[in-house]
Amino acid sequence: MSARSVAQSRRPPRPQVVLEEFLPYRLNVLATLVSNALARIYEERFGLTIPGWRIIATLGQYEGRTARDIAAHSVMHKSTVSRALSALEERGLVERKPNPEDMREELLTLTEAGRAVYEALAPEALAFEERTLSVLTPAEQRTFFDLVLRLDAQARRLAGAKVREV
């Protein structure tokens, strides 16, 4: 054995990322697969994009929010929210109103048509969630959601509260 091969054999192995075992990759793949499967429902039935659905869902849950609130809540970049809001507004699903607390901002609300879309889509989204979780027992589901909350909090700490778009 040469001196070079002896030296190489003494080196510790280089760290290697195995994507299939790397948590950020696995979470991203899972989120993408679930999001794309759900997207088929709201795209086919309601002509909504993923950002559009997130805005409709946020305004369905919290009436009267600013674009900044929506971006933070849905973890989307403000330009993505802006483009999706414009499309939803053109379709008559969202409307803008002056924010009496801050005249530099506008409050966004669902129109009657937007509320109808939310009311029709919410049960389908919940049924999809139920089908997705059906492979877990109720106890596993509770554990899973607890773990997701803990990982979310840790990821936010690691990100220094600067959360990038998903």
C-alpha atoms as a PDB file:
ATOM      1  CA  MET A   1       0.000   0.000   0.000  1.00  0.00           C
ATOM      2  CA  SER A   2       1.387   3.403  -0.934  1.00  0.00           C
ATOM      3  CA  ALA A   3       1.773   6.250   1.560  1.00  0.00           C
ATOM      4  CA  ARG A   4      -0.936   8.148  -0.292  1.00  0.00           C
ATOM      5  CA  SER A   5      -3.515   5.346  -0.036  1.00  0.00           C
ATOM      6  CA  VAL A   6      -2.663   4.870   3.668  1.00  0.00           C
ATOM      7  CA  ALA A   7      -3.269   8.595   4.258  1.00  0.00           C
ATOM      8  CA  GLN A   8      -6.537   8.464   2.300  1.00  0.00           C
ATOM      9  CA  SER A   9      -7.740   5.426   4.240  1.00  0.00           C
ATOM     10  CA  ARG A  10      -7.133   7.285   7.538  1.00  0.00           C
ATOM     11  CA  ARG A  11      -9.272  10.268   6.551  1.00  0.00           C
ATOM     12  CA  PRO A  12     -12.723  10.302   8.032  1.00  0.00           C
ATOM     13  CA  PRO A  13     -15.442   9.764   5.445  1.00  0.00           C
ATOM     14  CA  ARG A  14     -16.822  12.966   3.933  1.00  0.00           C
ATOM     15  CA  PRO A  15     -20.320  13.780   5.117  1.00  0.00           C
ATOM     16  CA  GLN A  16     -22.883  12.920   2.496  1.00  0.00           C
ATOM     17  CA  VAL A  17     -26.456  14.119   2.256  1.00  0.00           C
ATOM     18  CA  VAL A  18     -28.806  11.305   1.340  1.00  0.00           C
ATOM     19  CA  LEU A  19     -31.842  13.213   0.107  1.00  0.00           C
ATOM     20  CA  GLU A  20     -34.301  10.412   0.831  1.00  0.00           C
ATOM     21  CA  GLU A  21     -33.229  10.582   4.504  1.00  0.00           C
ATOM     22  CA  PHE A  22     -32.761  14.369   4.746  1.00  0.00           C
ATOM     23  CA  LEU A  23     -35.600  15.968   6.727  1.00  0.00           C
ATOM     24  CA  PRO A  24     -35.868  19.277   4.797  1.00  0.00           C
ATOM     25  CA  TYR A  25     -36.060  17.357   1.519  1.00  0.00           C
ATOM     26  CA  ARG A  26     -38.612  14.832   2.832  1.00  0.00           C
ATOM     27  CA  LEU A  27     -40.823  17.596   4.245  1.00  0.00           C
ATOM     28  CA  ASN A  28     -40.649  19.529   0.986  1.00  0.00           C
ATOM     29  CA  VAL A  29     -41.532  16.456  -1.082  1.00  0.00           C
ATOM     30  CA  LEU A  30     -44.438  15.577   1.206  1.00  0.00           C
ATOM     31  CA  ALA A  31     -45.748  19.165   1.201  1.00  0.00           C
ATOM     32  CA  THR A  32     -45.476  19.378  -2.588  1.00  0.00           C
ATOM     33  CA  LEU A  33     -47.245  16.057  -3.164  1.00  0.00           C
ATOM     34  CA  VAL A  34     -50.093  16.883  -0.780  1.00  0.00           C
ATOM     35  CA  SER A  35     -50.415  20.454  -2.071  1.00  0.00           C
ATOM     36  CA  ASN A  36     -50.451  19.337  -5.720  1.00  0.00           C
ATOM     37  CA  ALA A  37     -53.083  16.669  -5.029  1.00  0.00           C
ATOM     38  CA  LEU A  38     -55.295  19.223  -3.277  1.00  0.00           C
ATOM     39  CA  ALA A  39     -54.589  21.783  -6.004  1.00  0.00           C
ATOM     40  CA  ARG A  40     -56.285  19.531  -8.551  1.00  0.00           C
ATOM     41  CA  ILE A  41     -59.535  19.863  -6.596  1.00  0.00           C
ATOM     42  CA  TYR A  42     -59.598  23.651  -6.351  1.00  0.00           C
ATOM     43  CA  GLU A  43     -58.132  24.196  -9.804  1.00  0.00           C
ATOM     44  CA  GLU A  44     -60.588  21.901 -11.616  1.00  0.00           C
ATOM     45  CA  ARG A  45     -63.696  22.958  -9.696  1.00  0.00           C
ATOM     46  CA  PHE A  46     -62.957  26.601  -8.974  1.00  0.00           C
ATOM     47  CA  GLY A  47     -60.126  27.678 -11.280  1.00  0.00           C
ATOM     48  CA  LEU A  48     -57.916  28.629  -8.338  1.00  0.00           C
ATOM     49  CA  THR A  49     -54.138  28.530  -8.143  1.00  0.00           C
ATOM     50  CA  ILE A  50     -52.331  27.466  -4.971  1.00  0.00           C
ATOM     51  CA  PRO A  51     -51.720  31.121  -3.942  1.00  0.00           C
ATOM     52  CA  GLY A  52     -55.336  31.964  -4.830  1.00  0.00           C
ATOM     53  CA  TRP A  53     -56.650  29.125  -2.678  1.00  0.00           C
ATOM     54  CA  ARG A  54     -54.432  30.163   0.237  1.00  0.00           C
ATOM     55  CA  ILE A  55     -55.800  33.707   0.046  1.00  0.00           C
ATOM     56  CA  ILE A  56     -59.416  32.514  -0.179  1.00  0.00           C
ATOM     57  CA  ALA A  57     -58.818  30.168   2.779  1.00  0.00           C
ATOM     58  CA  THR A  58     -57.147  32.897   4.849  1.00  0.00           C
ATOM     59  CA  LEU A  59     -59.932  35.402   4.168  1.00  0.00           C
ATOM     60  CA  GLY A  60     -62.518  32.695   4.822  1.00  0.00           C
ATOM     61  CA  GLN A  61     -60.940  32.105   8.214  1.00  0.00           C
ATOM     62  CA  TYR A  62     -60.046  35.726   9.058  1.00  0.00           C
ATOM     63  CA  GLU A  63     -62.300  38.292   7.446  1.00  0.00           C
ATOM     64  CA  GLY A  64     -60.745  41.685   6.687  1.00  0.00           C
ATOM     65  CA  ARG A  65     -56.982  41.156   6.435  1.00  0.00           C
ATOM     66  CA  THR A  66     -54.235  43.152   4.762  1.00  0.00           C
ATOM     67  CA  ALA A  67     -52.040  41.734   2.011  1.00  0.00           C
ATOM     68  CA  ARG A  68     -49.163  41.759   4.516  1.00  0.00           C
ATOM     69  CA  ASP A  69     -51.263  39.700   6.980  1.00  0.00           C
ATOM     70  CA  ILE A  70     -52.089  37.201   4.246  1.00  0.00           C
ATOM     71  CA  ALA A  71     -48.451  36.890   3.167  1.00  0.00           C
ATOM     72  CA  ALA A  72     -47.346  36.229   6.747  1.00  0.00           C
ATOM     73  CA  HIS A  73     -50.184  33.808   7.491  1.00  0.00           C
ATOM     74  CA  SER A  74     -49.794  31.781   4.319  1.00  0.00           C
ATOM     75  CA  VAL A  75     -45.967  32.035   4.193  1.00  0.00           C
ATOM     76  CA  MET A  76     -45.994  33.474   0.667  1.00  0.00           C
ATOM     77  CA  HIS A  77     -43.878  36.264  -0.765  1.00  0.00           C
ATOM     78  CA  LYS A  78     -45.711  39.590  -0.986  1.00  0.00           C
ATOM     79  CA  SER A  79     -45.332  39.689  -4.790  1.00  0.00           C
ATOM     80  CA  THR A  80     -46.992  36.248  -5.058  1.00  0.00           C
ATOM     81  CA  VAL A  81     -49.848  37.492  -2.867  1.00  0.00           C
ATOM     82  CA  SER A  82     -50.154  40.676  -4.918  1.00  0.00           C
ATOM     83  CA  ARG A  83     -50.435  38.805  -8.239  1.00  0.00           C
ATOM     84  CA  ALA A  84     -52.934  36.308  -6.849  1.00  0.00           C
ATOM     85  CA  LEU A  85     -54.998  39.085  -5.262  1.00  0.00           C
ATOM     86  CA  SER A  86     -55.188  40.920  -8.574  1.00  0.00           C
ATOM     87  CA  ALA A  87     -56.486  37.783 -10.305  1.00  0.00           C
ATOM     88  CA  LEU A  88     -59.028  37.129  -7.527  1.00  0.00           C
ATOM     89  CA  GLU A  89     -60.163  40.743  -7.618  1.00  0.00           C
ATOM     90  CA  GLU A  90     -60.623  40.580 -11.410  1.00  0.00           C
ATOM     91  CA  ARG A  91     -62.820  37.510 -10.913  1.00  0.00           C
ATOM     92  CA  GLY A  92     -64.894  39.347  -8.326  1.00  0.00           C
ATOM     93  CA  LEU A  93     -63.911  37.040  -5.454  1.00  0.00           C
ATOM     94  CA  VAL A  94     -62.011  39.575  -3.327  1.00  0.00           C
ATOM     95  CA  GLU A  95     -62.530  43.271  -2.710  1.00  0.00           C
ATOM     96  CA  ARG A  96     -60.415  46.002  -1.168  1.00  0.00           C
ATOM     97  CA  LYS A  97     -61.658  48.432   1.464  1.00  0.00           C
ATOM     98  CA  PRO A  98     -59.861  51.292   3.241  1.00  0.00           C
ATOM     99  CA  ASN A  99     -58.257  50.294   6.525  1.00  0.00           C
ATOM    100  CA  PRO A 100     -59.574  52.809   9.073  1.00  0.00           C
ATOM    101  CA  GLU A 101     -56.642  52.009  11.398  1.00  0.00           C
ATOM    102  CA  ASP A 102     -53.964  52.636   8.743  1.00  0.00           C
ATOM    103  CA  MET A 103     -54.883  54.570   5.612  1.00  0.00           C
ATOM    104  CA  ARG A 104     -51.723  53.314   3.859  1.00  0.00           C
ATOM    105  CA  GLU A 105     -53.194  49.816   3.780  1.00  0.00           C
ATOM    106  CA  GLU A 106     -56.332  48.234   2.467  1.00  0.00           C
ATOM    107  CA  LEU A 107     -58.385  45.533   4.110  1.00  0.00           C
ATOM    108  CA  LEU A 108     -59.183  42.609   1.856  1.00  0.00           C
ATOM    109  CA  THR A 109     -62.429  40.712   2.179  1.00  0.00           C
ATOM    110  CA  LEU A 110     -64.233  38.004   0.286  1.00  0.00           C
ATOM    111  CA  THR A 111     -67.092  39.154  -1.892  1.00  0.00           C
ATOM    112  CA  GLU A 112     -70.348  37.214  -1.842  1.00  0.00           C
ATOM    113  CA  ALA A 113     -69.001  35.150  -4.754  1.00  0.00           C
ATOM    114  CA  GLY A 114     -65.683  34.624  -2.933  1.00  0.00           C
ATOM    115  CA  ARG A 115     -67.504  33.524   0.216  1.00  0.00           C
ATOM    116  CA  ALA A 116     -69.535  31.052  -1.883  1.00  0.00           C
ATOM    117  CA  VAL A 117     -66.307  29.577  -3.292  1.00  0.00           C
ATOM    118  CA  TYR A 118     -64.868  29.259   0.214  1.00  0.00           C
ATOM    119  CA  GLU A 119     -68.047  27.663   1.575  1.00  0.00           C
ATOM    120  CA  ALA A 120     -68.135  25.156  -1.301  1.00  0.00           C
ATOM    121  CA  LEU A 121     -64.441  24.332  -1.160  1.00  0.00           C
ATOM    122  CA  ALA A 122     -63.878  24.131   2.600  1.00  0.00           C
ATOM    123  CA  PRO A 123     -65.736  20.811   3.052  1.00  0.00           C
ATOM    124  CA  GLU A 124     -63.835  19.304   0.120  1.00  0.00           C
ATOM    125  CA  ALA A 125     -60.502  20.452   1.572  1.00  0.00           C
ATOM    126  CA  LEU A 126     -61.389  18.988   4.964  1.00  0.00           C
ATOM    127  CA  ALA A 127     -62.464  15.698   3.349  1.00  0.00           C
ATOM    128  CA  PHE A 128     -59.152  15.615   1.466  1.00  0.00           C
ATOM    129  CA  GLU A 129     -57.293  16.170   4.728  1.00  0.00           C
ATOM    130  CA  GLU A 130     -59.248  13.332   6.331  1.00  0.00           C
ATOM    131  CA  ARG A 131     -58.394  10.967   3.451  1.00  0.00           C
ATOM    132  CA  THR A 132     -54.738  11.949   3.681  1.00  0.00           C
ATOM    133  CA  LEU A 133     -54.602  11.328   7.425  1.00  0.00           C
ATOM    134  CA  SER A 134     -56.621   8.109   7.236  1.00  0.00           C
ATOM    135  CA  VAL A 135     -53.403   6.037   7.181  1.00  0.00           C
ATOM    136  CA  LEU A 136     -52.719   7.209  10.771  1.00  0.00           C
ATOM    137  CA  THR A 137     -54.595   6.211  13.905  1.00  0.00           C
ATOM    138  CA  PRO A 138     -56.229   9.040  15.908  1.00  0.00           C
ATOM    139  CA  ALA A 139     -53.357   8.837  18.423  1.00  0.00           C
ATOM    140  CA  GLU A 140     -50.791   9.009  15.604  1.00  0.00           C
ATOM    141  CA  GLN A 141     -52.606  12.012  14.140  1.00  0.00           C
ATOM    142  CA  ARG A 142     -52.419  13.863  17.475  1.00  0.00           C
ATOM    143  CA  THR A 143     -48.726  12.979  17.795  1.00  0.00           C
ATOM    144  CA  PHE A 144     -48.078  14.029  14.202  1.00  0.00           C
ATOM    145  CA  PHE A 145     -49.690  17.453  14.689  1.00  0.00           C
ATOM    146  CA  ASP A 146     -47.790  17.945  17.955  1.00  0.00           C
ATOM    147  CA  LEU A 147     -44.519  17.130  16.196  1.00  0.00           C
ATOM    148  CA  VAL A 148     -45.355  19.441  13.278  1.00  0.00           C
ATOM    149  CA  LEU A 149     -46.035  22.311  15.699  1.00  0.00           C
ATOM    150  CA  ARG A 150     -42.732  21.726  17.467  1.00  0.00           C
ATOM    151  CA  LEU A 151     -40.788  21.475  14.200  1.00  0.00           C
ATOM    152  CA  ASP A 152     -42.524  24.610  12.894  1.00  0.00           C
ATOM    153  CA  ALA A 153     -41.557  26.568  16.012  1.00  0.00           C
ATOM    154  CA  GLN A 154     -37.960  25.350  15.788  1.00  0.00           C
ATOM    155  CA  ALA A 155     -37.727  26.137  12.068  1.00  0.00           C
ATOM    156  CA  ARG A 156     -39.007  29.659  12.746  1.00  0.00           C
ATOM    157  CA  ARG A 157     -36.366  30.100  15.466  1.00  0.00           C
ATOM    158  CA  LEU A 158     -33.636  28.818  13.157  1.00  0.00           C
ATOM    159  CA  ALA A 159     -34.857  31.104  10.384  1.00  0.00           C
ATOM    160  CA  GLY A 160     -34.609  34.076  12.737  1.00  0.00           C
ATOM    161  CA  ALA A 161     -38.293  34.813  12.080  1.00  0.00           C
ATOM    162  CA  LYS A 162     -37.480  35.346   8.410  1.00  0.00           C
ATOM    163  CA  VAL A 163     -39.645  32.680   6.833  1.00  0.00           C
ATOM    164  CA  ARG A 164     -39.246  32.047   3.113  1.00  0.00           C
ATOM    165  CA  GLU A 165     -42.084  31.201   0.778  1.00  0.00           C
ATOM    166  CA  VAL A 166     -43.043  27.546   0.533  1.00  0.00           C
END
